Amino acid sequence: MTGSLVAQAALFGDPIAVLPTVFHLLWLRRLTADLSRPLSDATLVSRAEAR
């Protein structure tokens, strides 16, 4: 599943409540995003490949 950061967070509830978990999963590298640019509501996120 790939989509914008806020749109994907909204699938699980209020983005303000869900985004901290999304950021944590990005930190753990369970989700991936192009972090060479600042995160925004248009940032595309996807599940990381299994290791």
Protein backbone atom coordinates (compact mmCIF):
# COMPACT_ATOMS: atom_id res chain seq x y z
CA MET A 1 0.00 0.00 0.00
CA THR A 2 1.42 3.35 -1.03
CA GLY A 3 -0.10 6.79 -0.64
CA SER A 4 0.39 10.23 0.78
CA LEU A 5 1.39 10.49 4.43
CA VAL A 6 -1.78 12.16 5.68
CA ALA A 7 -4.14 10.14 3.47
CA GLN A 8 -2.67 6.85 4.70
CA ALA A 9 -2.79 8.03 8.34
CA ALA A 10 -6.44 9.05 7.87
CA LEU A 11 -7.31 5.46 6.94
CA PHE A 12 -6.62 4.52 10.57
CA GLY A 13 -8.37 7.45 12.25
CA ASP A 14 -7.69 11.08 13.07
CA PRO A 15 -4.34 11.92 11.42
CA ILE A 16 -3.31 14.02 14.45
CA ALA A 17 -3.64 10.93 16.62
CA VAL A 18 -2.15 8.48 14.08
CA LEU A 19 0.83 10.47 12.72
CA PRO A 20 3.06 9.91 15.79
CA THR A 21 2.80 6.16 15.16
CA VAL A 22 3.53 6.67 11.46
CA PHE A 23 6.64 8.67 12.35
CA HIS A 24 7.71 5.94 14.78
CA LEU A 25 7.31 3.28 12.07
CA LEU A 26 9.36 5.46 9.69
CA TRP A 27 12.04 5.71 12.40
CA LEU A 28 12.06 1.92 12.78
CA ARG A 29 12.21 1.57 8.98
CA ARG A 30 9.02 -0.49 8.87
CA LEU A 31 7.61 2.21 6.59
CA THR A 32 9.64 3.94 3.91
CA ALA A 33 9.54 7.41 2.42
CA ASP A 34 11.91 9.67 0.50
CA LEU A 35 13.50 11.41 3.48
CA SER A 36 15.84 13.47 1.32
CA ARG A 37 12.96 15.98 1.22
CA PRO A 38 11.00 17.45 4.15
CA LEU A 39 7.97 15.42 5.20
CA SER A 40 4.67 16.94 4.08
CA ASP A 41 1.10 15.87 3.49
CA ALA A 42 2.16 14.87 -0.04
CA THR A 43 5.04 12.60 1.06
CA LEU A 44 4.53 9.09 -0.29
CA VAL A 45 4.92 6.29 2.23
CA SER A 46 4.94 2.54 1.75
CA ARG A 47 5.62 -0.62 3.71
CA ALA A 48 9.25 -1.60 3.91
CA GLU A 49 10.22 -4.87 2.27
CA ALA A 50 10.68 -7.83 4.60
CA ARG A 51 14.26 -8.26 5.72
